[in-house]
Amino acid sequence: MATMTAPAPERSAGPGPSALPARAGLVLSTAAGGVVVSASYASTGTLLAVLAACSVVSVAVALLLRSRYDALRTVLTGVPLPLVCVVAASAWVPGQGDGVLLGAGEALLHSGARILTSTAPTPLTVDTLALPLLTTWLTGTATALAWRAERRALALLPGLVLLVGAVVLNGPVAPPGFTAIGLLGVAAVLVMSGRAATGAPSTTGSPSLGIQVDHRPSGPSPVRDAVVTGLICVITATLAVLGGPALLAGWTTEPGDPRAVLTPPMDPQQALNPLSHLPAWAAEPEEHLLTVESDRPLELRWVALADFTGTTWLPESGYRNADQVLPAPVPPPPGPTATSPPGSA
């Protein structure tokens, strides 16, 4: 009696080596926006390292969770991790909120407004870090989900949206992001040339008789594929980084500044009119008030009277927080000279 047996169901072999370049492309696509936005911060290197790490972790976590759960559960399961990072950042670089948890909550609610109302370059605090961190995480998650769904072109869209948003957020504060455009172009090459998963080779025949026909598809050499992909990546990055500035060398239009539409918070301070001290100083002309030593002529100003109440002039009473980096004066003063404080190298 002949026994007929059916072949066991094929099991996916999981992502193979050919998927590794595509995964690298997902990370580069996610990190392109971070390259642009970090250029407008005072601590550019620190923020770039944080956002690059966030890009790697977000893509890796999303791919791992998607292999076990559906898309919605993948997103919900991964969201607590960046929220924990915001809490950690509240302890590392505290913002305007009181305490770690309250500071993290303030950052989550007002991060965008704090970025737009801060002086350039933007100081690195949890208030200005929360928005780039969360958007980078969500971008990496969306990119990974689209790639696992075999939507390669759609997988590049979240990174492109993040890059455009970063450019608009910076306005004229940061230099043009040709490097980030090159990264996005390289990411597009890697993602479009890779595969999300590789299955086991299909076989047909009669396992009971020991006859199997392997339908393994024949294709080009992996080495040749890698070389061609690498050359295309180099050409794409070169055209974006070097060709972009040359092509737009005569472009004089500056991007709009989103900070111009918001009024920064001011810290009002009670200003005393220094003119009231003049009669007392005139009554005692021999009293020593100030000593200045310099080897060149200087113009000294004790205070600038900028506010007029209708009857008298008063010093400027409104100040905004400049953090540790003072912005350049606008317009620049005529003939400025740099002077180092006493004791500085």
C-alpha atoms as a PDB file:
ATOM      1  CA  MET A   1       0.000   0.000   0.000  1.00  0.00           C
ATOM      2  CA  ALA A   2       1.434   3.355  -1.018  1.00  0.00           C
ATOM      3  CA  THR A   3       1.548   6.054   1.593  1.00  0.00           C
ATOM      4  CA  MET A   4       1.123   9.672   0.506  1.00  0.00           C
ATOM      5  CA  THR A   5       2.584  12.365   2.713  1.00  0.00           C
ATOM      6  CA  ALA A   6       2.230  16.103   2.366  1.00  0.00           C
ATOM      7  CA  PRO A   7       5.228  18.376   2.773  1.00  0.00           C
ATOM      8  CA  ALA A   8       5.452  20.296   5.999  1.00  0.00           C
ATOM      9  CA  PRO A   9       4.444  23.954   5.797  1.00  0.00           C
ATOM     10  CA  GLU A  10       7.296  26.235   4.958  1.00  0.00           C
ATOM     11  CA  ARG A  11       8.664  28.382   7.739  1.00  0.00           C
ATOM     12  CA  SER A  12      10.097  31.762   7.093  1.00  0.00           C
ATOM     13  CA  ALA A  13      13.819  31.847   7.496  1.00  0.00           C
ATOM     14  CA  GLY A  14      13.630  35.413   8.716  1.00  0.00           C
ATOM     15  CA  PRO A  15      15.605  38.346   7.460  1.00  0.00           C
ATOM     16  CA  GLY A  16      18.760  37.331   5.721  1.00  0.00           C
ATOM     17  CA  PRO A  17      22.024  39.150   5.008  1.00  0.00           C
ATOM     18  CA  SER A  18      20.406  40.962   2.075  1.00  0.00           C
ATOM     19  CA  ALA A  19      18.096  42.754   4.541  1.00  0.00           C
ATOM     20  CA  LEU A  20      20.949  44.317   6.516  1.00  0.00           C
ATOM     21  CA  PRO A  21      21.655  47.157   4.026  1.00  0.00           C
ATOM     22  CA  ALA A  22      17.953  47.941   3.914  1.00  0.00           C
ATOM     23  CA  ARG A  23      17.851  48.139   7.704  1.00  0.00           C
ATOM     24  CA  ALA A  24      20.815  50.493   7.611  1.00  0.00           C
ATOM     25  CA  GLY A  25      18.857  52.573   5.117  1.00  0.00           C
ATOM     26  CA  LEU A  26      15.924  52.741   7.531  1.00  0.00           C
ATOM     27  CA  VAL A  27      18.240  54.097  10.233  1.00  0.00           C
ATOM     28  CA  LEU A  28      19.809  56.666   7.886  1.00  0.00           C
ATOM     29  CA  SER A  29      16.392  57.803   6.717  1.00  0.00           C
ATOM     30  CA  THR A  30      15.308  58.327  10.323  1.00  0.00           C
ATOM     31  CA  ALA A  31      18.529  60.086  11.350  1.00  0.00           C
ATOM     32  CA  ALA A  32      18.519  62.583   8.460  1.00  0.00           C
ATOM     33  CA  GLY A  33      16.124  64.920  10.268  1.00  0.00           C
ATOM     34  CA  GLY A  34      18.274  64.800  13.408  1.00  0.00           C
ATOM     35  CA  VAL A  35      21.308  65.939  11.413  1.00  0.00           C
ATOM     36  CA  VAL A  36      19.412  69.050  10.341  1.00  0.00           C
ATOM     37  CA  VAL A  37      17.810  69.969  13.652  1.00  0.00           C
ATOM     38  CA  SER A  38      20.993  69.448  15.712  1.00  0.00           C
ATOM     39  CA  ALA A  39      22.788  72.124  13.675  1.00  0.00           C
ATOM     40  CA  SER A  40      20.692  74.833  15.356  1.00  0.00           C
ATOM     41  CA  TYR A  41      21.558  73.725  18.919  1.00  0.00           C
ATOM     42  CA  ALA A  42      24.386  74.933  21.100  1.00  0.00           C
ATOM     43  CA  SER A  43      25.398  71.317  21.886  1.00  0.00           C
ATOM     44  CA  THR A  44      25.302  70.033  18.316  1.00  0.00           C
ATOM     45  CA  GLY A  45      27.410  66.910  18.862  1.00  0.00           C
ATOM     46  CA  THR A  46      25.541  65.814  21.977  1.00  0.00           C
ATOM     47  CA  LEU A  47      22.105  66.176  20.394  1.00  0.00           C
ATOM     48  CA  LEU A  48      23.245  64.467  17.196  1.00  0.00           C
ATOM     49  CA  ALA A  49      24.544  61.490  19.181  1.00  0.00           C
ATOM     50  CA  VAL A  50      21.272  61.237  21.129  1.00  0.00           C
ATOM     51  CA  LEU A  51      19.096  61.373  18.009  1.00  0.00           C
ATOM     52  CA  ALA A  52      21.332  58.933  16.125  1.00  0.00           C
ATOM     53  CA  ALA A  53      21.052  56.438  18.988  1.00  0.00           C
ATOM     54  CA  CYS A  54      17.290  57.006  19.042  1.00  0.00           C
ATOM     55  CA  SER A  55      17.128  56.248  15.309  1.00  0.00           C
ATOM     56  CA  VAL A  56      18.963  52.938  15.727  1.00  0.00           C
ATOM     57  CA  VAL A  57      16.968  51.821  18.758  1.00  0.00           C
ATOM     58  CA  SER A  58      13.576  52.849  17.355  1.00  0.00           C
ATOM     59  CA  VAL A  59      14.082  50.914  14.113  1.00  0.00           C
ATOM     60  CA  ALA A  60      15.475  47.850  15.898  1.00  0.00           C
ATOM     61  CA  VAL A  61      12.685  47.779  18.510  1.00  0.00           C
ATOM     62  CA  ALA A  62       9.959  48.261  15.902  1.00  0.00           C
ATOM     63  CA  LEU A  63      11.299  45.431  13.723  1.00  0.00           C
ATOM     64  CA  LEU A  64      11.572  43.131  16.730  1.00  0.00           C
ATOM     65  CA  LEU A  65       8.085  43.891  18.021  1.00  0.00           C
ATOM     66  CA  ARG A  66       6.512  43.694  14.554  1.00  0.00           C
ATOM     67  CA  SER A  67       7.772  40.133  14.172  1.00  0.00           C
ATOM     68  CA  ARG A  68       5.569  39.197  17.148  1.00  0.00           C
ATOM     69  CA  TYR A  69       2.680  41.673  17.240  1.00  0.00           C
ATOM     70  CA  ASP A  70       0.503  43.606  14.843  1.00  0.00           C
ATOM     71  CA  ALA A  71       1.273  47.192  13.841  1.00  0.00           C
ATOM     72  CA  LEU A  72      -0.910  48.922  16.459  1.00  0.00           C
ATOM     73  CA  ARG A  73       0.429  46.844  19.317  1.00  0.00           C
ATOM     74  CA  THR A  74       3.962  47.444  18.083  1.00  0.00           C
ATOM     75  CA  VAL A  75       3.489  51.198  18.317  1.00  0.00           C
ATOM     76  CA  LEU A  76       1.821  51.099  21.729  1.00  0.00           C
ATOM     77  CA  THR A  77       4.392  48.703  23.154  1.00  0.00           C
ATOM     78  CA  GLY A  78       7.334  50.810  22.007  1.00  0.00           C
ATOM     79  CA  VAL A  79       6.071  54.252  23.066  1.00  0.00           C
ATOM     80  CA  PRO A  80       6.938  53.922  26.800  1.00  0.00           C
ATOM     81  CA  LEU A  81      10.657  53.664  25.987  1.00  0.00           C
ATOM     82  CA  PRO A  82      11.069  57.218  24.593  1.00  0.00           C
ATOM     83  CA  LEU A  83       8.896  58.532  27.425  1.00  0.00           C
ATOM     84  CA  VAL A  84      11.338  56.994  29.891  1.00  0.00           C
ATOM     85  CA  CYS A  85      14.146  58.680  27.956  1.00  0.00           C
ATOM     86  CA  VAL A  86      12.410  62.047  28.372  1.00  0.00           C
ATOM     87  CA  VAL A  87      12.211  61.471  32.134  1.00  0.00           C
ATOM     88  CA  ALA A  88      15.921  60.579  32.168  1.00  0.00           C
ATOM     89  CA  ALA A  89      16.686  63.721  30.167  1.00  0.00           C
ATOM     90  CA  SER A  90      14.765  65.757  32.743  1.00  0.00           C
ATOM     91  CA  ALA A  91      17.280  64.605  35.333  1.00  0.00           C
ATOM     92  CA  TRP A  92      20.259  65.011  32.967  1.00  0.00           C
ATOM     93  CA  VAL A  93      19.487  68.434  31.431  1.00  0.00           C
ATOM     94  CA  PRO A  94      16.642  69.928  33.499  1.00  0.00           C
ATOM     95  CA  GLY A  95      14.357  72.528  31.989  1.00  0.00           C
ATOM     96  CA  GLN A  96      11.954  75.074  33.420  1.00  0.00           C
ATOM     97  CA  GLY A  97       9.778  72.539  35.264  1.00  0.00           C
ATOM     98  CA  ASP A  98      10.304  71.763  38.942  1.00  0.00           C
ATOM     99  CA  GLY A  99      11.432  68.216  39.653  1.00  0.00           C
ATOM    100  CA  VAL A 100      12.140  65.329  37.326  1.00  0.00           C
ATOM    101  CA  LEU A 101       8.576  64.149  36.663  1.00  0.00           C
ATOM    102  CA  LEU A 102       7.047  67.624  36.475  1.00  0.00           C
ATOM    103  CA  GLY A 103       9.902  68.777  34.278  1.00  0.00           C
ATOM    104  CA  ALA A 104       9.330  65.858  31.916  1.00  0.00           C
ATOM    105  CA  GLY A 105       5.603  66.625  31.801  1.00  0.00           C
ATOM    106  CA  GLU A 106       6.301  70.296  31.048  1.00  0.00           C
ATOM    107  CA  ALA A 107       8.660  69.258  28.258  1.00  0.00           C
ATOM    108  CA  LEU A 108       6.120  66.916  26.683  1.00  0.00           C
ATOM    109  CA  LEU A 109       3.469  69.635  26.648  1.00  0.00           C
ATOM    110  CA  HIS A 110       5.521  72.670  25.662  1.00  0.00           C
ATOM    111  CA  SER A 111       8.639  71.411  23.882  1.00  0.00           C
ATOM    112  CA  GLY A 112       7.749  72.955  20.523  1.00  0.00           C
ATOM    113  CA  ALA A 113       6.978  76.354  22.040  1.00  0.00           C
ATOM    114  CA  ARG A 114      10.189  76.289  24.109  1.00  0.00           C
ATOM    115  CA  ILE A 115      12.228  75.651  20.965  1.00  0.00           C
ATOM    116  CA  LEU A 116      10.621  78.490  19.035  1.00  0.00           C
ATOM    117  CA  THR A 117      10.899  81.001  21.902  1.00  0.00           C
ATOM    118  CA  SER A 118      14.503  80.215  22.833  1.00  0.00           C
ATOM    119  CA  THR A 119      17.438  82.249  21.593  1.00  0.00           C
ATOM    120  CA  ALA A 120      19.641  80.863  18.833  1.00  0.00           C
ATOM    121  CA  PRO A 121      21.596  78.662  19.154  1.00  0.00           C
ATOM    122  CA  THR A 122      18.987  76.637  21.004  1.00  0.00           C
ATOM    123  CA  PRO A 123      20.138  75.472  24.452  1.00  0.00           C
ATOM    124  CA  LEU A 124      20.015  71.737  25.122  1.00  0.00           C
ATOM    125  CA  THR A 125      17.496  71.105  27.899  1.00  0.00           C
ATOM    126  CA  VAL A 126      14.714  68.587  28.317  1.00  0.00           C
ATOM    127  CA  ASP A 127      12.304  71.282  27.101  1.00  0.00           C
ATOM    128  CA  THR A 128      14.078  71.504  23.744  1.00  0.00           C
ATOM    129  CA  LEU A 129      15.018  67.808  23.553  1.00  0.00           C
ATOM    130  CA  ALA A 130      11.615  66.166  24.027  1.00  0.00           C
ATOM    131  CA  LEU A 131      10.147  67.098  20.631  1.00  0.00           C
ATOM    132  CA  PRO A 132      13.133  65.959  18.486  1.00  0.00           C
ATOM    133  CA  LEU A 133      13.444  62.778  20.537  1.00  0.00           C
ATOM    134  CA  LEU A 134       9.793  61.753  20.236  1.00  0.00           C
ATOM    135  CA  THR A 135       9.477  62.656  16.557  1.00  0.00           C
ATOM    136  CA  THR A 136      12.631  60.693  15.745  1.00  0.00           C
ATOM    137  CA  TRP A 137      11.279  57.659  17.609  1.00  0.00           C
ATOM    138  CA  LEU A 138       7.907  57.783  15.859  1.00  0.00           C
ATOM    139  CA  THR A 139       9.631  58.269  12.501  1.00  0.00           C
ATOM    140  CA  GLY A 140      11.807  55.201  13.037  1.00  0.00           C
ATOM    141  CA  THR A 141       8.776  53.155  14.076  1.00  0.00           C
ATOM    142  CA  ALA A 142       6.704  54.218  11.073  1.00  0.00           C
ATOM    143  CA  THR A 143       9.620  53.579   8.728  1.00  0.00           C
ATOM    144  CA  ALA A 144      10.168  50.062  10.069  1.00  0.00           C
ATOM    145  CA  LEU A 145       6.469  49.186   9.935  1.00  0.00           C
ATOM    146  CA  ALA A 146       6.159  50.327   6.323  1.00  0.00           C
ATOM    147  CA  TRP A 147       9.228  48.307   5.333  1.00  0.00           C
ATOM    148  CA  ARG A 148       7.971  45.155   7.027  1.00  0.00           C
ATOM    149  CA  ALA A 149       4.734  45.595   5.083  1.00  0.00           C
ATOM    150  CA  GLU A 150       6.750  45.542   1.821  1.00  0.00           C
ATOM    151  CA  ARG A 151       6.016  49.249   1.201  1.00  0.00           C
ATOM    152  CA  ARG A 152       9.515  50.384   0.320  1.00  0.00           C
ATOM    153  CA  ALA A 153       8.647  53.776  -1.122  1.00  0.00           C
ATOM    154  CA  LEU A 154       6.280  54.450   1.771  1.00  0.00           C
ATOM    155  CA  ALA A 155       9.058  53.555   4.222  1.00  0.00           C
ATOM    156  CA  LEU A 156      11.007  56.611   3.030  1.00  0.00           C
ATOM    157  CA  LEU A 157       8.110  59.025   3.536  1.00  0.00           C
ATOM    158  CA  PRO A 158       8.373  59.423   7.373  1.00  0.00           C
ATOM    159  CA  GLY A 159      12.071  60.323   7.117  1.00  0.00           C
ATOM    160  CA  LEU A 160      11.342  62.828   4.360  1.00  0.00           C
ATOM    161  CA  VAL A 161       8.559  64.448   6.413  1.00  0.00           C
ATOM    162  CA  LEU A 162      10.855  64.672   9.454  1.00  0.00           C
ATOM    163  CA  LEU A 163      13.605  66.242   7.353  1.00  0.00           C
ATOM    164  CA  VAL A 164      11.258  68.868   5.901  1.00  0.00           C
ATOM    165  CA  GLY A 165       9.873  69.611   9.372  1.00  0.00           C
ATOM    166  CA  ALA A 166      13.393  70.072  10.763  1.00  0.00           C
ATOM    167  CA  VAL A 167      14.293  72.487   7.958  1.00  0.00           C
ATOM    168  CA  VAL A 168      11.139  74.537   8.549  1.00  0.00           C
ATOM    169  CA  LEU A 169      11.729  74.542  12.328  1.00  0.00           C
ATOM    170  CA  ASN A 170      15.297  75.806  11.952  1.00  0.00           C
ATOM    171  CA  GLY A 171      14.468  78.518   9.446  1.00  0.00           C
ATOM    172  CA  PRO A 172      17.511  80.716   8.779  1.00  0.00           C
ATOM    173  CA  VAL A 173      19.158  79.732  12.084  1.00  0.00           C
ATOM    174  CA  ALA A 174      21.031  76.667  10.793  1.00  0.00           C
ATOM    175  CA  PRO A 175      23.029  76.171   7.572  1.00  0.00           C
ATOM    176  CA  PRO A 176      21.481  74.291   4.624  1.00  0.00           C
ATOM    177  CA  GLY A 177      21.057  70.566   5.232  1.00  0.00           C
ATOM    178  CA  PHE A 178      22.785  69.142   2.157  1.00  0.00           C
ATOM    179  CA  THR A 179      24.441  66.452   4.274  1.00  0.00           C
ATOM    180  CA  ALA A 180      21.052  65.280   5.541  1.00  0.00           C
ATOM    181  CA  ILE A 181      19.715  65.235   1.973  1.00  0.00           C
ATOM    182  CA  GLY A 182      22.644  63.048   1.003  1.00  0.00           C
ATOM    183  CA  LEU A 183      21.873  60.669   3.873  1.00  0.00           C
ATOM    184  CA  LEU A 184      18.258  60.448   2.767  1.00  0.00           C
ATOM    185  CA  GLY A 185      19.358  59.726  -0.798  1.00  0.00           C
ATOM    186  CA  VAL A 186      21.679  56.939   0.358  1.00  0.00           C
ATOM    187  CA  ALA A 187      18.872  55.569   2.522  1.00  0.00           C
ATOM    188  CA  ALA A 188      16.568  55.496  -0.486  1.00  0.00           C
ATOM    189  CA  VAL A 189      19.111  53.471  -2.469  1.00  0.00           C
ATOM    190  CA  LEU A 190      19.605  50.978   0.356  1.00  0.00           C
ATOM    191  CA  VAL A 191      15.907  50.568   1.130  1.00  0.00           C
ATOM    192  CA  MET A 192      14.847  50.159  -2.494  1.00  0.00           C
ATOM    193  CA  SER A 193      17.588  47.613  -3.196  1.00  0.00           C
ATOM    194  CA  GLY A 194      16.976  45.411  -0.142  1.00  0.00           C
ATOM    195  CA  ARG A 195      14.348  42.862   0.829  1.00  0.00           C
ATOM    196  CA  ALA A 196      12.307  42.805   3.999  1.00  0.00           C
ATOM    197  CA  ALA A 197      12.542  39.046   4.497  1.00  0.00           C
ATOM    198  CA  THR A 198      13.768  35.963   2.724  1.00  0.00           C
ATOM    199  CA  GLY A 199      11.810  32.756   2.786  1.00  0.00           C
ATOM    200  CA  ALA A 200      13.026  29.198   2.469  1.00  0.00           C
ATOM    201  CA  PRO A 201      13.471  27.933  -1.102  1.00  0.00           C
ATOM    202  CA  SER A 202      10.293  26.312  -2.411  1.00  0.00           C
ATOM    203  CA  THR A 203      10.384  22.636  -3.344  1.00  0.00           C
ATOM    204  CA  THR A 204       7.950  20.387  -5.146  1.00  0.00           C
ATOM    205  CA  GLY A 205       7.857  16.659  -5.613  1.00  0.00           C
ATOM    206  CA  SER A 206       7.070  13.582  -3.587  1.00  0.00           C
ATOM    207  CA  PRO A 207       8.835  13.441  -0.224  1.00  0.00           C
ATOM    208  CA  SER A 208       7.699   9.796   0.204  1.00  0.00           C
ATOM    209  CA  LEU A 209       9.649   8.787  -2.912  1.00  0.00           C
ATOM    210  CA  GLY A 210      12.622  10.976  -2.062  1.00  0.00           C
ATOM    211  CA  ILE A 211      12.117  13.210  -5.095  1.00  0.00           C
ATOM    212  CA  GLN A 212      12.266  16.953  -4.631  1.00  0.00           C
ATOM    213  CA  VAL A 213      12.680  19.701  -7.165  1.00  0.00           C
ATOM    214  CA  ASP A 214      14.368  22.840  -5.888  1.00  0.00           C
ATOM    215  CA  HIS A 215      12.910  26.007  -7.359  1.00  0.00           C
ATOM    216  CA  ARG A 216      15.576  28.268  -5.887  1.00  0.00           C
ATOM    217  CA  PRO A 217      15.605  31.363  -8.126  1.00  0.00           C
ATOM    218  CA  SER A 218      18.888  32.167  -9.742  1.00  0.00           C
ATOM    219  CA  GLY A 219      19.970  35.778  -9.621  1.00  0.00           C
ATOM    220  CA  PRO A 220      22.968  38.039  -9.941  1.00  0.00           C
ATOM    221  CA  SER A 221      25.980  37.655  -7.700  1.00  0.00           C
ATOM    222  CA  PRO A 222      25.562  39.173  -4.208  1.00  0.00           C
ATOM    223  CA  VAL A 223      29.039  40.668  -4.514  1.00  0.00           C
ATOM    224  CA  ARG A 224      28.108  42.426  -7.726  1.00  0.00           C
ATOM    225  CA  ASP A 225      24.886  43.669  -6.147  1.00  0.00           C
ATOM    226  CA  ALA A 226      26.811  45.080  -3.189  1.00  0.00           C
ATOM    227  CA  VAL A 227      29.324  46.838  -5.434  1.00  0.00           C
ATOM    228  CA  VAL A 228      26.626  48.377  -7.632  1.00  0.00           C
ATOM    229  CA  THR A 229      24.617  49.504  -4.611  1.00  0.00           C
ATOM    230  CA  GLY A 230      27.704  51.006  -3.013  1.00  0.00           C
ATOM    231  CA  LEU A 231      28.600  52.944  -6.164  1.00  0.00           C
ATOM    232  CA  ILE A 232      25.064  54.309  -6.437  1.00  0.00           C
ATOM    233  CA  CYS A 233      25.197  55.376  -2.776  1.00  0.00           C
ATOM    234  CA  VAL A 234      28.503  57.196  -3.306  1.00  0.00           C
ATOM    235  CA  ILE A 235      27.227  58.955  -6.418  1.00  0.00           C
ATOM    236  CA  THR A 236      23.982  59.966  -4.689  1.00  0.00           C
ATOM    237  CA  ALA A 237      25.754  61.347  -1.611  1.00  0.00           C
ATOM    238  CA  THR A 238      28.296  63.221  -3.728  1.00  0.00           C
ATOM    239  CA  LEU A 239      25.648  64.848  -5.892  1.00  0.00           C
ATOM    240  CA  ALA A 240      23.669  65.960  -2.817  1.00  0.00           C
ATOM    241  CA  VAL A 241      26.563  67.197  -0.666  1.00  0.00           C
ATOM    242  CA  LEU A 242      28.738  68.752  -3.382  1.00  0.00           C
ATOM    243  CA  GLY A 243      26.363  69.323  -6.256  1.00  0.00           C
ATOM    244  CA  GLY A 244      23.625  70.930  -4.171  1.00  0.00           C
ATOM    245  CA  PRO A 245      25.670  73.941  -2.962  1.00  0.00           C
ATOM    246  CA  ALA A 246      27.091  74.460  -6.459  1.00  0.00           C
ATOM    247  CA  LEU A 247      23.651  74.352  -8.030  1.00  0.00           C
ATOM    248  CA  LEU A 248      22.138  76.814  -5.524  1.00  0.00           C
ATOM    249  CA  ALA A 249      25.163  79.100  -5.234  1.00  0.00           C
ATOM    250  CA  GLY A 250      23.277  82.069  -6.670  1.00  0.00           C
ATOM    251  CA  TRP A 251      20.125  81.492  -4.598  1.00  0.00           C
ATOM    252  CA  THR A 252      19.703  84.508  -2.322  1.00  0.00           C
ATOM    253  CA  THR A 253      16.262  83.799  -0.841  1.00  0.00           C
ATOM    254  CA  GLU A 254      16.328  82.985   2.887  1.00  0.00           C
ATOM    255  CA  PRO A 255      13.792  80.654   4.515  1.00  0.00           C
ATOM    256  CA  GLY A 256      11.134  82.092   6.766  1.00  0.00           C
ATOM    257  CA  ASP A 257      11.789  82.151  10.491  1.00  0.00           C
ATOM    258  CA  PRO A 258       8.974  80.497  12.502  1.00  0.00           C
ATOM    259  CA  ARG A 259      10.301  82.221  15.634  1.00  0.00           C
ATOM    260  CA  ALA A 260       9.161  85.555  14.244  1.00  0.00           C
ATOM    261  CA  VAL A 261       5.486  84.685  14.751  1.00  0.00           C
ATOM    262  CA  LEU A 262       5.862  84.020  18.501  1.00  0.00           C
ATOM    263  CA  THR A 263       6.588  86.442  21.301  1.00  0.00           C
ATOM    264  CA  PRO A 264       9.216  85.037  23.662  1.00  0.00           C
ATOM    265  CA  PRO A 265       8.447  85.074  27.387  1.00  0.00           C
ATOM    266  CA  MET A 266       9.941  88.112  29.085  1.00  0.00           C
ATOM    267  CA  ASP A 267      11.192  88.470  32.631  1.00  0.00           C
ATOM    268  CA  PRO A 268      10.092  91.925  33.806  1.00  0.00           C
ATOM    269  CA  GLN A 269      12.440  93.561  36.281  1.00  0.00           C
ATOM    270  CA  GLN A 270      11.896  96.729  38.253  1.00  0.00           C
ATOM    271  CA  ALA A 271      14.192  99.390  36.832  1.00  0.00           C
ATOM    272  CA  LEU A 272      15.257 102.444  38.812  1.00  0.00           C
ATOM    273  CA  ASN A 273      15.825 105.721  37.060  1.00  0.00           C
ATOM    274  CA  PRO A 274      19.550 106.508  37.416  1.00  0.00           C
ATOM    275  CA  LEU A 275      18.910 110.192  36.697  1.00  0.00           C
ATOM    276  CA  SER A 276      17.678 110.610  40.258  1.00  0.00           C
ATOM    277  CA  HIS A 277      21.236 109.980  41.500  1.00  0.00           C
ATOM    278  CA  LEU A 278      22.730 112.856  39.526  1.00  0.00           C
ATOM    279  CA  PRO A 279      21.955 115.606  42.109  1.00  0.00           C
ATOM    280  CA  ALA A 280      23.567 113.579  44.903  1.00  0.00           C
ATOM    281  CA  TRP A 281      26.679 112.929  42.845  1.00  0.00           C
ATOM    282  CA  ALA A 282      26.892 116.572  41.837  1.00  0.00           C
ATOM    283  CA  ALA A 283      26.728 117.613  45.516  1.00  0.00           C
ATOM    284  CA  GLU A 284      29.805 115.471  46.296  1.00  0.00           C
ATOM    285  CA  PRO A 285      32.039 115.742  43.248  1.00  0.00           C
ATOM    286  CA  GLU A 286      35.054 114.282  45.079  1.00  0.00           C
ATOM    287  CA  GLU A 287      33.350 110.966  45.841  1.00  0.00           C
ATOM    288  CA  HIS A 288      34.956 108.083  43.979  1.00  0.00           C
ATOM    289  CA  LEU A 289      32.410 106.249  41.800  1.00  0.00           C
ATOM    290  CA  LEU A 290      34.275 104.347  39.090  1.00  0.00           C
ATOM    291  CA  THR A 291      37.813 103.531  37.919  1.00  0.00           C
ATOM    292  CA  VAL A 292      38.610 102.365  34.395  1.00  0.00           C
ATOM    293  CA  GLU A 293      42.072 101.487  33.068  1.00  0.00           C
ATOM    294  CA  SER A 294      42.627 100.998  29.355  1.00  0.00           C
ATOM    295  CA  ASP A 295      45.399 101.479  26.796  1.00  0.00           C
ATOM    296  CA  ARG A 296      42.973 102.795  24.185  1.00  0.00           C
ATOM    297  CA  PRO A 297      39.964 105.144  24.194  1.00  0.00           C
ATOM    298  CA  LEU A 298      36.719 103.516  25.326  1.00  0.00           C
ATOM    299  CA  GLU A 299      33.086 104.548  25.223  1.00  0.00           C
ATOM    300  CA  LEU A 300      31.469 103.701  28.558  1.00  0.00           C
ATOM    301  CA  ARG A 301      27.752 103.404  29.130  1.00  0.00           C
ATOM    302  CA  TRP A 302      26.390 102.623  32.543  1.00  0.00           C
ATOM    303  CA  VAL A 303      22.847 102.107  31.336  1.00  0.00           C
ATOM    304  CA  ALA A 304      20.788 102.702  28.204  1.00  0.00           C
ATOM    305  CA  LEU A 305      17.497 104.511  28.725  1.00  0.00           C
ATOM    306  CA  ALA A 306      15.167 102.650  26.368  1.00  0.00           C
ATOM    307  CA  ASP A 307      11.658 102.925  27.898  1.00  0.00           C
ATOM    308  CA  PHE A 308       9.771 106.236  27.863  1.00  0.00           C
ATOM    309  CA  THR A 309       6.850 106.464  30.252  1.00  0.00           C
ATOM    310  CA  GLY A 310       5.525 109.756  28.873  1.00  0.00           C
ATOM    311  CA  THR A 311       7.301 111.857  31.475  1.00  0.00           C
ATOM    312  CA  THR A 312      10.743 110.297  31.855  1.00  0.00           C
ATOM    313  CA  TRP A 313      13.104 107.736  30.394  1.00  0.00           C
ATOM    314  CA  LEU A 314      13.804 104.444  32.186  1.00  0.00           C
ATOM    315  CA  PRO A 315      16.225 101.561  31.578  1.00  0.00           C
ATOM    316  CA  GLU A 316      15.085  98.447  29.714  1.00  0.00           C
ATOM    317  CA  SER A 317      12.900  96.426  32.083  1.00  0.00           C
ATOM    318  CA  GLY A 318      12.121  93.337  29.994  1.00  0.00           C
ATOM    319  CA  TYR A 319      14.638  90.522  29.598  1.00  0.00           C
ATOM    320  CA  ARG A 320      14.421  87.057  28.074  1.00  0.00           C
ATOM    321  CA  ASN A 321      16.310  83.948  29.105  1.00  0.00           C
ATOM    322  CA  ALA A 322      19.432  83.509  26.952  1.00  0.00           C
ATOM    323  CA  ASP A 323      20.721  80.395  28.731  1.00  0.00           C
ATOM    324  CA  GLN A 324      24.507  79.950  28.501  1.00  0.00           C
ATOM    325  CA  VAL A 325      24.971  81.187  24.922  1.00  0.00           C
ATOM    326  CA  LEU A 326      24.253  84.800  24.018  1.00  0.00           C
ATOM    327  CA  PRO A 327      22.947  85.446  20.501  1.00  0.00           C
ATOM    328  CA  ALA A 328      24.740  87.792  18.139  1.00  0.00           C
ATOM    329  CA  PRO A 329      23.457  91.395  18.297  1.00  0.00           C
ATOM    330  CA  VAL A 330      21.069  92.429  15.537  1.00  0.00           C
ATOM    331  CA  PRO A 331      22.057  94.678  13.896  1.00  0.00           C
ATOM    332  CA  PRO A 332      25.762  94.192  14.683  1.00  0.00           C
ATOM    333  CA  PRO A 333      27.429  97.211  16.301  1.00  0.00           C
ATOM    334  CA  PRO A 334      29.730  99.267  14.080  1.00  0.00           C
ATOM    335  CA  GLY A 335      33.424  98.490  14.509  1.00  0.00           C
ATOM    336  CA  PRO A 336      33.152  95.909  17.304  1.00  0.00           C
ATOM    337  CA  THR A 337      36.257  94.534  19.036  1.00  0.00           C
ATOM    338  CA  ALA A 338      36.441  91.341  21.056  1.00  0.00           C
ATOM    339  CA  THR A 339      37.632  91.745  24.634  1.00  0.00           C
ATOM    340  CA  SER A 340      38.430  88.774  26.875  1.00  0.00           C
ATOM    341  CA  PRO A 341      37.375  88.998  30.519  1.00  0.00           C
ATOM    342  CA  PRO A 342      40.126  89.240  33.146  1.00  0.00           C
ATOM    343  CA  GLY A 343      41.779  85.913  33.900  1.00  0.00           C
ATOM    344  CA  SER A 344      40.634  84.185  30.711  1.00  0.00           C
ATOM    345  CA  ALA A 345      43.074  82.447  28.396  1.00  0.00           C
END
